[in-house]
Amino acid sequence: MKRLLIVAHGSRRDASNEEVRVLATRVAEHLQLAVDNVQVAFFELATPSIESALDACFNNGVDEVSVLPYFLSSGTHVVNDVPREIAAMQEKWPDKIIKVLPHIGAAETMVSLIASTYR
């Protein structure tokens, strides 16, 4: 069983965190997946944490998780922090597959998305 885990920074503002949860639901619908096949985690300031979310996935029979860093640029969280957390989780769950996808800002489609909002 596979899961997509969208990892965002997290905010003290609950409405911001809820936006990420709604996005996950919309992505699941777009991919025609069960809603629980696309989940969210937060690096800080909100729950669940990356560790908690991955533990829950693997404890519930998931074999593979693709982690999407929901960040626009390759700052410290993208370059150092998220990979460090994923490496620790891979050590904790050596029989599971954790793939880290390119951060959202690196997606080739970002150019057309930004251009389309300008028009």
PDB file of N, CA and C in Angstrom:
ATOM      1  N   MET A   1       0.840  -1.166   0.000  1.00  0.00           N
ATOM      2  CA  MET A   1       0.000   0.000   0.000  1.00  0.00           C
ATOM      3  C   MET A   1       0.895   1.243   0.000  1.00  0.00           C
ATOM      4  N   LYS A   2       0.481   2.275  -0.767  1.00  0.00           N
ATOM      5  CA  LYS A   2       1.257   3.498  -0.911  1.00  0.00           C
ATOM      6  C   LYS A   2       0.502   4.682  -0.319  1.00  0.00           C
ATOM      7  N   ARG A   3       1.264   5.693   0.068  1.00  0.00           N
ATOM      8  CA  ARG A   3       0.700   6.953   0.561  1.00  0.00           C
ATOM      9  C   ARG A   3       1.504   8.111   0.014  1.00  0.00           C
ATOM     10  N   LEU A   4       0.830   9.245  -0.122  1.00  0.00           N
ATOM     11  CA  LEU A   4       1.480  10.515  -0.415  1.00  0.00           C
ATOM     12  C   LEU A   4       1.395  11.339   0.854  1.00  0.00           C
ATOM     13  N   LEU A   5       2.528  11.834   1.304  1.00  0.00           N
ATOM     14  CA  LEU A   5       2.588  12.664   2.505  1.00  0.00           C
ATOM     15  C   LEU A   5       3.066  14.056   2.097  1.00  0.00           C
ATOM     16  N   ILE A   6       2.170  15.023   2.226  1.00  0.00           N
ATOM     17  CA  ILE A   6       2.504  16.408   1.915  1.00  0.00           C
ATOM     18  C   ILE A   6       3.038  17.046   3.191  1.00  0.00           C
ATOM     19  N   VAL A   7       4.292  17.465   3.152  1.00  0.00           N
ATOM     20  CA  VAL A   7       4.941  18.051   4.326  1.00  0.00           C
ATOM     21  C   VAL A   7       5.047  19.560   4.141  1.00  0.00           C
ATOM     22  N   ALA A   8       4.354  20.286   5.001  1.00  0.00           N
ATOM     23  CA  ALA A   8       4.384  21.740   4.984  1.00  0.00           C
ATOM     24  C   ALA A   8       5.135  22.241   6.216  1.00  0.00           C
ATOM     25  N   HIS A   9       5.413  23.533   6.248  1.00  0.00           N
ATOM     26  CA  HIS A   9       6.134  24.102   7.377  1.00  0.00           C
ATOM     27  C   HIS A   9       5.332  23.987   8.661  1.00  0.00           C
ATOM     28  N   GLY A  10       4.086  24.375   8.613  1.00  0.00           N
ATOM     29  CA  GLY A  10       3.259  24.466   9.810  1.00  0.00           C
ATOM     30  C   GLY A  10       3.174  25.915  10.237  1.00  0.00           C
ATOM     31  N   SER A  11       2.058  26.264  10.862  1.00  0.00           N
ATOM     32  CA  SER A  11       1.825  27.648  11.239  1.00  0.00           C
ATOM     33  C   SER A  11       1.139  27.717  12.596  1.00  0.00           C
ATOM     34  N   ARG A  12       1.336  28.816  13.288  1.00  0.00           N
ATOM     35  CA  ARG A  12       0.579  29.055  14.518  1.00  0.00           C
ATOM     36  C   ARG A  12      -0.877  29.349  14.182  1.00  0.00           C
ATOM     37  N   ARG A  13      -1.123  29.728  12.968  1.00  0.00           N
ATOM     38  CA  ARG A  13      -2.466  30.065  12.495  1.00  0.00           C
ATOM     39  C   ARG A  13      -3.157  28.797  11.994  1.00  0.00           C
ATOM     40  N   ASP A  14      -4.150  28.342  12.721  1.00  0.00           N
ATOM     41  CA  ASP A  14      -4.834  27.092  12.384  1.00  0.00           C
ATOM     42  C   ASP A  14      -5.401  27.088  10.968  1.00  0.00           C
ATOM     43  N   ALA A  15      -5.903  28.229  10.522  1.00  0.00           N
ATOM     44  CA  ALA A  15      -6.492  28.295   9.186  1.00  0.00           C
ATOM     45  C   ALA A  15      -5.454  27.979   8.101  1.00  0.00           C
ATOM     46  N   SER A  16      -4.218  28.369   8.325  1.00  0.00           N
ATOM     47  CA  SER A  16      -3.160  28.056   7.357  1.00  0.00           C
ATOM     48  C   SER A  16      -2.902  26.553   7.295  1.00  0.00           C
ATOM     49  N   ASN A  17      -2.881  25.909   8.441  1.00  0.00           N
ATOM     50  CA  ASN A  17      -2.682  24.460   8.477  1.00  0.00           C
ATOM     51  C   ASN A  17      -3.868  23.742   7.840  1.00  0.00           C
ATOM     52  N   GLU A  18      -5.046  24.287   8.056  1.00  0.00           N
ATOM     53  CA  GLU A  18      -6.245  23.683   7.464  1.00  0.00           C
ATOM     54  C   GLU A  18      -6.215  23.784   5.939  1.00  0.00           C
ATOM     55  N   GLU A  19      -5.635  24.850   5.405  1.00  0.00           N
ATOM     56  CA  GLU A  19      -5.494  24.970   3.950  1.00  0.00           C
ATOM     57  C   GLU A  19      -4.711  23.795   3.375  1.00  0.00           C
ATOM     58  N   VAL A  20      -3.676  23.370   4.084  1.00  0.00           N
ATOM     59  CA  VAL A  20      -2.872  22.242   3.615  1.00  0.00           C
ATOM     60  C   VAL A  20      -3.697  20.954   3.686  1.00  0.00           C
ATOM     61  N   ARG A  21      -4.478  20.796   4.735  1.00  0.00           N
ATOM     62  CA  ARG A  21      -5.337  19.607   4.853  1.00  0.00           C
ATOM     63  C   ARG A  21      -6.379  19.566   3.727  1.00  0.00           C
ATOM     64  N   VAL A  22      -6.959  20.700   3.419  1.00  0.00           N
ATOM     65  CA  VAL A  22      -7.930  20.772   2.322  1.00  0.00           C
ATOM     66  C   VAL A  22      -7.238  20.458   0.999  1.00  0.00           C
ATOM     67  N   LEU A  23      -6.045  20.978   0.809  1.00  0.00           N
ATOM     68  CA  LEU A  23      -5.278  20.666  -0.394  1.00  0.00           C
ATOM     69  C   LEU A  23      -5.077  19.160  -0.527  1.00  0.00           C
ATOM     70  N   ALA A  24      -4.720  18.499   0.565  1.00  0.00           N
ATOM     71  CA  ALA A  24      -4.508  17.047   0.527  1.00  0.00           C
ATOM     72  C   ALA A  24      -5.775  16.321   0.097  1.00  0.00           C
ATOM     73  N   THR A  25      -6.906  16.754   0.605  1.00  0.00           N
ATOM     74  CA  THR A  25      -8.180  16.144   0.216  1.00  0.00           C
ATOM     75  C   THR A  25      -8.444  16.353  -1.269  1.00  0.00           C
ATOM     76  N   ARG A  26      -8.172  17.539  -1.754  1.00  0.00           N
ATOM     77  CA  ARG A  26      -8.389  17.831  -3.178  1.00  0.00           C
ATOM     78  C   ARG A  26      -7.439  17.031  -4.068  1.00  0.00           C
ATOM     79  N   VAL A  27      -6.199  16.860  -3.619  1.00  0.00           N
ATOM     80  CA  VAL A  27      -5.238  16.041  -4.382  1.00  0.00           C
ATOM     81  C   VAL A  27      -5.733  14.594  -4.435  1.00  0.00           C
ATOM     82  N   ALA A  28      -6.197  14.065  -3.315  1.00  0.00           N
ATOM     83  CA  ALA A  28      -6.722  12.693  -3.290  1.00  0.00           C
ATOM     84  C   ALA A  28      -7.888  12.556  -4.265  1.00  0.00           C
ATOM     85  N   GLU A  29      -8.790  13.522  -4.261  1.00  0.00           N
ATOM     86  CA  GLU A  29      -9.927  13.488  -5.183  1.00  0.00           C
ATOM     87  C   GLU A  29      -9.453  13.544  -6.627  1.00  0.00           C
ATOM     88  N   HIS A  30      -8.488  14.411  -6.907  1.00  0.00           N
ATOM     89  CA  HIS A  30      -7.958  14.543  -8.262  1.00  0.00           C
ATOM     90  C   HIS A  30      -7.311  13.244  -8.735  1.00  0.00           C
ATOM     91  N   LEU A  31      -6.618  12.578  -7.839  1.00  0.00           N
ATOM     92  CA  LEU A  31      -5.960  11.314  -8.175  1.00  0.00           C
ATOM     93  C   LEU A  31      -6.903  10.120  -8.074  1.00  0.00           C
ATOM     94  N   GLN A  32      -8.140  10.394  -7.681  1.00  0.00           N
ATOM     95  CA  GLN A  32      -9.153   9.351  -7.476  1.00  0.00           C
ATOM     96  C   GLN A  32      -8.677   8.304  -6.481  1.00  0.00           C
ATOM     97  N   LEU A  33      -8.161   8.802  -5.370  1.00  0.00           N
ATOM     98  CA  LEU A  33      -7.691   7.956  -4.281  1.00  0.00           C
ATOM     99  C   LEU A  33      -8.594   8.145  -3.078  1.00  0.00           C
ATOM    100  N   ALA A  34      -8.569   7.179  -2.190  1.00  0.00           N
ATOM    101  CA  ALA A  34      -9.244   7.370  -0.915  1.00  0.00           C
ATOM    102  C   ALA A  34      -8.582   8.542  -0.207  1.00  0.00           C
ATOM    103  N   VAL A  35      -9.362   9.325   0.507  1.00  0.00           N
ATOM    104  CA  VAL A  35      -8.852  10.532   1.149  1.00  0.00           C
ATOM    105  C   VAL A  35      -7.660  10.235   2.049  1.00  0.00           C
ATOM    106  N   ASP A  36      -7.653   9.091   2.737  1.00  0.00           N
ATOM    107  CA  ASP A  36      -6.544   8.804   3.648  1.00  0.00           C
ATOM    108  C   ASP A  36      -5.262   8.379   2.938  1.00  0.00           C
ATOM    109  N   ASN A  37      -5.289   8.258   1.619  1.00  0.00           N
ATOM    110  CA  ASN A  37      -4.070   7.931   0.879  1.00  0.00           C
ATOM    111  C   ASN A  37      -3.205   9.156   0.605  1.00  0.00           C
ATOM    112  N   VAL A  38      -3.734  10.330   0.894  1.00  0.00           N
ATOM    113  CA  VAL A  38      -2.958  11.562   0.815  1.00  0.00           C
ATOM    114  C   VAL A  38      -3.081  12.223   2.184  1.00  0.00           C
ATOM    115  N   GLN A  39      -1.960  12.328   2.862  1.00  0.00           N
ATOM    116  CA  GLN A  39      -1.967  12.871   4.212  1.00  0.00           C
ATOM    117  C   GLN A  39      -1.030  14.055   4.321  1.00  0.00           C
ATOM    118  N   VAL A  40      -1.112  14.743   5.445  1.00  0.00           N
ATOM    119  CA  VAL A  40      -0.238  15.891   5.670  1.00  0.00           C
ATOM    120  C   VAL A  40       0.574  15.691   6.946  1.00  0.00           C
ATOM    121  N   ALA A  41       1.697  16.363   6.970  1.00  0.00           N
ATOM    122  CA  ALA A  41       2.530  16.455   8.174  1.00  0.00           C
ATOM    123  C   ALA A  41       3.135  17.844   8.159  1.00  0.00           C
ATOM    124  N   PHE A  42       3.588  18.266   9.331  1.00  0.00           N
ATOM    125  CA  PHE A  42       4.136  19.605   9.447  1.00  0.00           C
ATOM    126  C   PHE A  42       5.521  19.531  10.070  1.00  0.00           C
ATOM    127  N   PHE A  43       6.415  20.385   9.561  1.00  0.00           N
ATOM    128  CA  PHE A  43       7.765  20.389  10.085  1.00  0.00           C
ATOM    129  C   PHE A  43       7.804  20.933  11.508  1.00  0.00           C
ATOM    130  N   GLU A  44       7.006  21.966  11.764  1.00  0.00           N
ATOM    131  CA  GLU A  44       6.940  22.529  13.105  1.00  0.00           C
ATOM    132  C   GLU A  44       5.643  23.314  13.267  1.00  0.00           C
ATOM    133  N   LEU A  45       5.310  23.640  14.485  1.00  0.00           N
ATOM    134  CA  LEU A  45       4.193  24.502  14.843  1.00  0.00           C
ATOM    135  C   LEU A  45       2.809  23.883  14.678  1.00  0.00           C
ATOM    136  N   ALA A  46       2.711  22.691  14.126  1.00  0.00           N
ATOM    137  CA  ALA A  46       1.418  22.043  13.942  1.00  0.00           C
ATOM    138  C   ALA A  46       1.614  20.532  13.956  1.00  0.00           C
ATOM    139  N   THR A  47       0.527  19.825  14.072  1.00  0.00           N
ATOM    140  CA  THR A  47       0.577  18.362  14.084  1.00  0.00           C
ATOM    141  C   THR A  47      -0.268  17.809  12.949  1.00  0.00           C
ATOM    142  N   PRO A  48       0.084  16.616  12.511  1.00  0.00           N
ATOM    143  CA  PRO A  48       1.112  15.733  13.033  1.00  0.00           C
ATOM    144  C   PRO A  48       2.494  16.109  12.517  1.00  0.00           C
ATOM    145  N   SER A  49       3.489  15.686  13.264  1.00  0.00           N
ATOM    146  CA  SER A  49       4.872  15.860  12.827  1.00  0.00           C
ATOM    147  C   SER A  49       5.168  14.854  11.724  1.00  0.00           C
ATOM    148  N   ILE A  50       6.287  15.019  11.071  1.00  0.00           N
ATOM    149  CA  ILE A  50       6.703  14.064  10.037  1.00  0.00           C
ATOM    150  C   ILE A  50       6.850  12.679  10.656  1.00  0.00           C
ATOM    151  N   GLU A  51       7.507  12.614  11.803  1.00  0.00           N
ATOM    152  CA  GLU A  51       7.709  11.328  12.471  1.00  0.00           C
ATOM    153  C   GLU A  51       6.378  10.676  12.817  1.00  0.00           C
ATOM    154  N   SER A  52       5.478  11.420  13.415  1.00  0.00           N
ATOM    155  CA  SER A  52       4.175  10.853  13.795  1.00  0.00           C
ATOM    156  C   SER A  52       3.394  10.368  12.584  1.00  0.00           C
ATOM    157  N   ALA A  53       3.406  11.166  11.523  1.00  0.00           N
ATOM    158  CA  ALA A  53       2.663  10.789  10.320  1.00  0.00           C
ATOM    159  C   ALA A  53       3.234   9.527   9.684  1.00  0.00           C
ATOM    160  N   LEU A  54       4.556   9.447   9.587  1.00  0.00           N
ATOM    161  CA  LEU A  54       5.165   8.249   9.001  1.00  0.00           C
ATOM    162  C   LEU A  54       4.950   7.032   9.889  1.00  0.00           C
ATOM    163  N   ASP A  55       5.093   7.192  11.199  1.00  0.00           N
ATOM    164  CA  ASP A  55       4.812   6.072  12.110  1.00  0.00           C
ATOM    165  C   ASP A  55       3.390   5.566  11.916  1.00  0.00           C
ATOM    166  N   ALA A  56       2.433   6.481  11.820  1.00  0.00           N
ATOM    167  CA  ALA A  56       1.034   6.083  11.633  1.00  0.00           C
ATOM    168  C   ALA A  56       0.848   5.335  10.320  1.00  0.00           C
ATOM    169  N   CYS A  57       1.472   5.823   9.270  1.00  0.00           N
ATOM    170  CA  CYS A  57       1.376   5.129   7.982  1.00  0.00           C
ATOM    171  C   CYS A  57       1.889   3.699   8.098  1.00  0.00           C
ATOM    172  N   PHE A  58       3.099   3.558   8.604  1.00  0.00           N
ATOM    173  CA  PHE A  58       3.726   2.245   8.640  1.00  0.00           C
ATOM    174  C   PHE A  58       3.059   1.310   9.644  1.00  0.00           C
ATOM    175  N   ASN A  59       2.553   1.852  10.737  1.00  0.00           N
ATOM    176  CA  ASN A  59       1.823   1.032  11.701  1.00  0.00           C
ATOM    177  C   ASN A  59       0.481   0.560  11.158  1.00  0.00           C
ATOM    178  N   ASN A  60       0.000   1.213  10.115  1.00  0.00           N
ATOM    179  CA  ASN A  60      -1.275   0.841   9.503  1.00  0.00           C
ATOM    180  C   ASN A  60      -1.101   0.082   8.192  1.00  0.00           C
ATOM    181  N   GLY A  61       0.064  -0.507   7.987  1.00  0.00           N
ATOM    182  CA  GLY A  61       0.259  -1.399   6.854  1.00  0.00           C
ATOM    183  C   GLY A  61       0.746  -0.772   5.573  1.00  0.00           C
ATOM    184  N   VAL A  62       1.073   0.513   5.588  1.00  0.00           N
ATOM    185  CA  VAL A  62       1.602   1.164   4.394  1.00  0.00           C
ATOM    186  C   VAL A  62       3.033   0.682   4.173  1.00  0.00           C
ATOM    187  N   ASP A  63       3.368   0.396   2.921  1.00  0.00           N
ATOM    188  CA  ASP A  63       4.710  -0.093   2.580  1.00  0.00           C
ATOM    189  C   ASP A  63       5.609   0.984   1.994  1.00  0.00           C
ATOM    190  N   GLU A  64       4.975   1.988   1.360  1.00  0.00           N
ATOM    191  CA  GLU A  64       5.747   3.007   0.653  1.00  0.00           C
ATOM    192  C   GLU A  64       5.077   4.364   0.824  1.00  0.00           C
ATOM    193  N   VAL A  65       5.895   5.364   1.149  1.00  0.00           N
ATOM    194  CA  VAL A  65       5.397   6.734   1.292  1.00  0.00           C
ATOM    195  C   VAL A  65       6.241   7.650   0.412  1.00  0.00           C
ATOM    196  N   SER A  66       5.554   8.440  -0.406  1.00  0.00           N
ATOM    197  CA  SER A  66       6.207   9.493  -1.172  1.00  0.00           C
ATOM    198  C   SER A  66       5.989  10.791  -0.406  1.00  0.00           C
ATOM    199  N   VAL A  67       7.073  11.445  -0.053  1.00  0.00           N
ATOM    200  CA  VAL A  67       7.024  12.679   0.735  1.00  0.00           C
ATOM    201  C   VAL A  67       7.195  13.873  -0.207  1.00  0.00           C
ATOM    202  N   LEU A  68       6.200  14.752  -0.222  1.00  0.00           N
ATOM    203  CA  LEU A  68       6.251  15.955  -1.042  1.00  0.00           C
ATOM    204  C   LEU A  68       6.493  17.163  -0.153  1.00  0.00           C
ATOM    205  N   PRO A  69       7.699  17.736  -0.189  1.00  0.00           N
ATOM    206  CA  PRO A  69       7.952  18.956   0.569  1.00  0.00           C
ATOM    207  C   PRO A  69       7.171  20.124  -0.053  1.00  0.00           C
ATOM    208  N   TYR A  70       6.206  20.630   0.679  1.00  0.00           N
ATOM    209  CA  TYR A  70       5.335  21.699   0.199  1.00  0.00           C
ATOM    210  C   TYR A  70       5.969  23.048   0.540  1.00  0.00           C
ATOM    211  N   PHE A  71       7.091  23.307  -0.132  1.00  0.00           N
ATOM    212  CA  PHE A  71       7.872  24.527   0.062  1.00  0.00           C
ATOM    213  C   PHE A  71       8.181  25.105  -1.315  1.00  0.00           C
ATOM    214  N   LEU A  72       8.208  26.428  -1.413  1.00  0.00           N
ATOM    215  CA  LEU A  72       8.451  27.065  -2.706  1.00  0.00           C
ATOM    216  C   LEU A  72       9.921  27.131  -3.091  1.00  0.00           C
ATOM    217  N   SER A  73      10.809  27.187  -2.127  1.00  0.00           N
ATOM    218  CA  SER A  73      12.227  27.282  -2.466  1.00  0.00           C
ATOM    219  C   SER A  73      13.037  26.292  -1.639  1.00  0.00           C
ATOM    220  N   SER A  74      14.260  26.088  -2.074  1.00  0.00           N
ATOM    221  CA  SER A  74      15.117  25.092  -1.424  1.00  0.00           C
ATOM    222  C   SER A  74      15.890  25.727  -0.276  1.00  0.00           C
ATOM    223  N   GLY A  75      15.149  26.123   0.741  1.00  0.00           N
ATOM    224  CA  GLY A  75      15.760  26.674   1.941  1.00  0.00           C
ATOM    225  C   GLY A  75      16.263  25.572   2.857  1.00  0.00           C
ATOM    226  N   THR A  76      16.592  25.935   4.067  1.00  0.00           N
ATOM    227  CA  THR A  76      17.168  25.006   5.035  1.00  0.00           C
ATOM    228  C   THR A  76      16.273  23.802   5.309  1.00  0.00           C
ATOM    229  N   HIS A  77      14.974  24.020   5.395  1.00  0.00           N
ATOM    230  CA  HIS A  77      14.072  22.885   5.658  1.00  0.00           C
ATOM    231  C   HIS A  77      14.129  21.864   4.515  1.00  0.00           C
ATOM    232  N   VAL A  78      14.119  22.353   3.287  1.00  0.00           N
ATOM    233  CA  VAL A  78      14.130  21.453   2.128  1.00  0.00           C
ATOM    234  C   VAL A  78      15.483  20.769   1.976  1.00  0.00           C
ATOM    235  N   VAL A  79      16.551  21.533   2.132  1.00  0.00           N
ATOM    236  CA  VAL A  79      17.896  21.004   1.872  1.00  0.00           C
ATOM    237  C   VAL A  79      18.433  20.153   3.027  1.00  0.00           C
ATOM    238  N   ASN A  80      18.154  20.559   4.264  1.00  0.00           N
ATOM    239  CA  ASN A  80      18.749  19.868   5.409  1.00  0.00           C
ATOM    240  C   ASN A  80      17.749  19.173   6.322  1.00  0.00           C
ATOM    241  N   ASP A  81      16.752  19.912   6.780  1.00  0.00           N
ATOM    242  CA  ASP A  81      15.906  19.429   7.866  1.00  0.00           C
ATOM    243  C   ASP A  81      14.998  18.260   7.479  1.00  0.00           C
ATOM    244  N   VAL A  82      14.247  18.423   6.401  1.00  0.00           N
ATOM    245  CA  VAL A  82      13.352  17.330   5.988  1.00  0.00           C
ATOM    246  C   VAL A  82      14.155  16.083   5.616  1.00  0.00           C
ATOM    247  N   PRO A  83      15.222  16.200   4.810  1.00  0.00           N
ATOM    248  CA  PRO A  83      16.008  14.999   4.513  1.00  0.00           C
ATOM    249  C   PRO A  83      16.576  14.320   5.768  1.00  0.00           C
ATOM    250  N   ARG A  84      16.993  15.109   6.756  1.00  0.00           N
ATOM    251  CA  ARG A  84      17.515  14.529   7.998  1.00  0.00           C
ATOM    252  C   ARG A  84      16.411  13.739   8.725  1.00  0.00           C
ATOM    253  N   GLU A  85      15.218  14.301   8.790  1.00  0.00           N
ATOM    254  CA  GLU A  85      14.112  13.588   9.435  1.00  0.00           C
ATOM    255  C   GLU A  85      13.737  12.321   8.671  1.00  0.00           C
ATOM    256  N   ILE A  86      13.743  12.412   7.354  1.00  0.00           N
ATOM    257  CA  ILE A  86      13.402  11.236   6.544  1.00  0.00           C
ATOM    258  C   ILE A  86      14.475  10.158   6.712  1.00  0.00           C
ATOM    259  N   ALA A  87      15.732  10.545   6.755  1.00  0.00           N
ATOM    260  CA  ALA A  87      16.812   9.570   6.960  1.00  0.00           C
ATOM    261  C   ALA A  87      16.659   8.863   8.299  1.00  0.00           C
ATOM    262  N   ALA A  88      16.309   9.606   9.339  1.00  0.00           N
ATOM    263  CA  ALA A  88      16.093   8.988  10.653  1.00  0.00           C
ATOM    264  C   ALA A  88      14.922   8.017  10.618  1.00  0.00           C
ATOM    265  N   MET A  89      13.870   8.377   9.895  1.00  0.00           N
ATOM    266  CA  MET A  89      12.709   7.485   9.798  1.00  0.00           C
ATOM    267  C   MET A  89      13.025   6.256   8.959  1.00  0.00           C
ATOM    268  N   GLN A  90      13.879   6.422   7.952  1.00  0.00           N
ATOM    269  CA  GLN A  90      14.267   5.265   7.146  1.00  0.00           C
ATOM    270  C   GLN A  90      15.073   4.282   7.980  1.00  0.00           C
ATOM    271  N   GLU A  91      15.888   4.804   8.897  1.00  0.00           N
ATOM    272  CA  GLU A  91      16.616   3.921   9.811  1.00  0.00           C
ATOM    273  C   GLU A  91      15.651   3.210  10.758  1.00  0.00           C
ATOM    274  N   LYS A  92      14.650   3.917  11.207  1.00  0.00           N
ATOM    275  CA  LYS A  92      13.655   3.347  12.116  1.00  0.00           C
ATOM    276  C   LYS A  92      12.803   2.283  11.419  1.00  0.00           C
ATOM    277  N   TRP A  93      12.528   2.493  10.140  1.00  0.00           N
ATOM    278  CA  TRP A  93      11.683   1.588   9.359  1.00  0.00           C
ATOM    279  C   TRP A  93      12.468   1.091   8.132  1.00  0.00           C
ATOM    280  N   PRO A  94      13.500   0.281   8.314  1.00  0.00           N
ATOM    281  CA  PRO A  94      14.360  -0.114   7.191  1.00  0.00           C
ATOM    282  C   PRO A  94      13.667  -0.967   6.131  1.00  0.00           C
ATOM    283  N   ASP A  95      12.574  -1.601   6.495  1.00  0.00           N
ATOM    284  CA  ASP A  95      11.875  -2.450   5.529  1.00  0.00           C
ATOM    285  C   ASP A  95      10.821  -1.689   4.725  1.00  0.00           C
ATOM    286  N   LYS A  96      10.703  -0.395   4.953  1.00  0.00           N
ATOM    287  CA  LYS A  96       9.723   0.437   4.256  1.00  0.00           C
ATOM    288  C   LYS A  96      10.428   1.350   3.259  1.00  0.00           C
ATOM    289  N   ILE A  97       9.668   1.824   2.270  1.00  0.00           N
ATOM    290  CA  ILE A  97      10.218   2.716   1.252  1.00  0.00           C
ATOM    291  C   ILE A  97       9.707   4.128   1.523  1.00  0.00           C
ATOM    292  N   ILE A  98      10.645   5.062   1.627  1.00  0.00           N
ATOM    293  CA  ILE A  98      10.299   6.476   1.771  1.00  0.00           C
ATOM    294  C   ILE A  98      11.010   7.217   0.650  1.00  0.00           C
ATOM    295  N   LYS A  99      10.230   7.769  -0.262  1.00  0.00           N
ATOM    296  CA  LYS A  99      10.776   8.547  -1.373  1.00  0.00           C
ATOM    297  C   LYS A  99      10.523  10.024  -1.100  1.00  0.00           C
ATOM    298  N   VAL A 100      11.541  10.842  -1.264  1.00  0.00           N
ATOM    299  CA  VAL A 100      11.365  12.275  -1.137  1.00  0.00           C
ATOM    300  C   VAL A 100      11.281  12.865  -2.541  1.00  0.00           C
ATOM    301  N   LEU A 101      10.154  13.471  -2.822  1.00  0.00           N
ATOM    302  CA  LEU A 101       9.929  14.103  -4.117  1.00  0.00           C
ATOM    303  C   LEU A 101      10.549  15.502  -4.118  1.00  0.00           C
ATOM    304  N   PRO A 102      10.778  16.075  -5.298  1.00  0.00           N
ATOM    305  CA  PRO A 102      11.275  17.457  -5.345  1.00  0.00           C
ATOM    306  C   PRO A 102      10.271  18.401  -4.679  1.00  0.00           C
ATOM    307  N   HIS A 103      10.776  19.440  -4.016  1.00  0.00           N
ATOM    308  CA  HIS A 103       9.878  20.403  -3.377  1.00  0.00           C
ATOM    309  C   HIS A 103       8.989  21.053  -4.437  1.00  0.00           C
ATOM    310  N   ILE A 104       7.832  21.507  -3.999  1.00  0.00           N
ATOM    311  CA  ILE A 104       6.797  21.981  -4.922  1.00  0.00           C
ATOM    312  C   ILE A 104       7.286  23.130  -5.803  1.00  0.00           C
ATOM    313  N   GLY A 105       8.145  23.980  -5.281  1.00  0.00           N
ATOM    314  CA  GLY A 105       8.658  25.098  -6.065  1.00  0.00           C
ATOM    315  C   GLY A 105       9.546  24.678  -7.218  1.00  0.00           C
ATOM    316  N   ALA A 106      10.073  23.458  -7.170  1.00  0.00           N
ATOM    317  CA  ALA A 106      10.935  22.961  -8.241  1.00  0.00           C
ATOM    318  C   ALA A 106      10.137  22.309  -9.373  1.00  0.00           C
ATOM    319  N   ALA A 107       8.830  22.169  -9.187  1.00  0.00           N
ATOM    320  CA  ALA A 107       8.002  21.532 -10.211  1.00  0.00           C
ATOM    321  C   ALA A 107       7.998  22.371 -11.483  1.00  0.00           C
ATOM    322  N   GLU A 108       8.200  21.730 -12.595  1.00  0.00           N
ATOM    323  CA  GLU A 108       8.228  22.418 -13.886  1.00  0.00           C
ATOM    324  C   GLU A 108       6.912  23.153 -14.143  1.00  0.00           C
ATOM    325  N   THR A 109       5.838  22.654 -13.626  1.00  0.00           N
ATOM    326  CA  THR A 109       4.532  23.270 -13.850  1.00  0.00           C
ATOM    327  C   THR A 109       4.340  24.576 -13.086  1.00  0.00           C
ATOM    328  N   MET A 110       5.250  24.903 -12.178  1.00  0.00           N
ATOM    329  CA  MET A 110       5.125  26.162 -11.440  1.00  0.00           C
ATOM    330  C   MET A 110       5.204  27.370 -12.376  1.00  0.00           C
ATOM    331  N   VAL A 111       5.995  27.281 -13.421  1.00  0.00           N
ATOM    332  CA  VAL A 111       6.121  28.391 -14.360  1.00  0.00           C
ATOM    333  C   VAL A 111       4.770  28.671 -15.014  1.00  0.00           C
ATOM    334  N   SER A 112       4.121  27.634 -15.525  1.00  0.00           N
ATOM    335  CA  SER A 112       2.833  27.848 -16.183  1.00  0.00           C
ATOM    336  C   SER A 112       1.752  28.240 -15.181  1.00  0.00           C
ATOM    337  N   LEU A 113       1.833  27.729 -13.955  1.00  0.00           N
ATOM    338  CA  LEU A 113       0.868  28.111 -12.937  1.00  0.00           C
ATOM    339  C   LEU A 113       0.976  29.598 -12.617  1.00  0.00           C
ATOM    340  N   ILE A 114       2.185  30.080 -12.414  1.00  0.00           N
ATOM    341  CA  ILE A 114       2.385  31.495 -12.112  1.00  0.00           C
ATOM    342  C   ILE A 114       1.969  32.348 -13.312  1.00  0.00           C
ATOM    343  N   ALA A 115       2.347  31.914 -14.503  1.00  0.00           N
ATOM    344  CA  ALA A 115       1.987  32.667 -15.709  1.00  0.00           C
ATOM    345  C   ALA A 115       0.463  32.730 -15.877  1.00  0.00           C
ATOM    346  N   SER A 116      -0.225  31.654 -15.561  1.00  0.00           N
ATOM    347  CA  SER A 116      -1.685  31.641 -15.731  1.00  0.00           C
ATOM    348  C   SER A 116      -2.391  32.547 -14.737  1.00  0.00           C
ATOM    349  N   THR A 117      -1.808  32.771 -13.571  1.00  0.00           N
ATOM    350  CA  THR A 117      -2.441  33.670 -12.599  1.00  0.00           C
ATOM    351  C   THR A 117      -2.202  35.137 -12.975  1.00  0.00           C
ATOM    352  N   TYR A 118      -1.196  35.386 -13.756  1.00  0.00           N
ATOM    353  CA  TYR A 118      -0.864  36.741 -14.176  1.00  0.00           C
ATOM    354  C   TYR A 118      -1.792  37.244 -15.274  1.00  0.00           C
ATOM    355  N   ARG A 119      -2.246  36.329 -16.098  1.00  0.00           N
ATOM    356  CA  ARG A 119      -3.037  36.720 -17.286  1.00  0.00           C
ATOM    357  C   ARG A 119      -4.309  37.386 -16.933  1.00  0.00           C
TER     358      ARG A 119
END
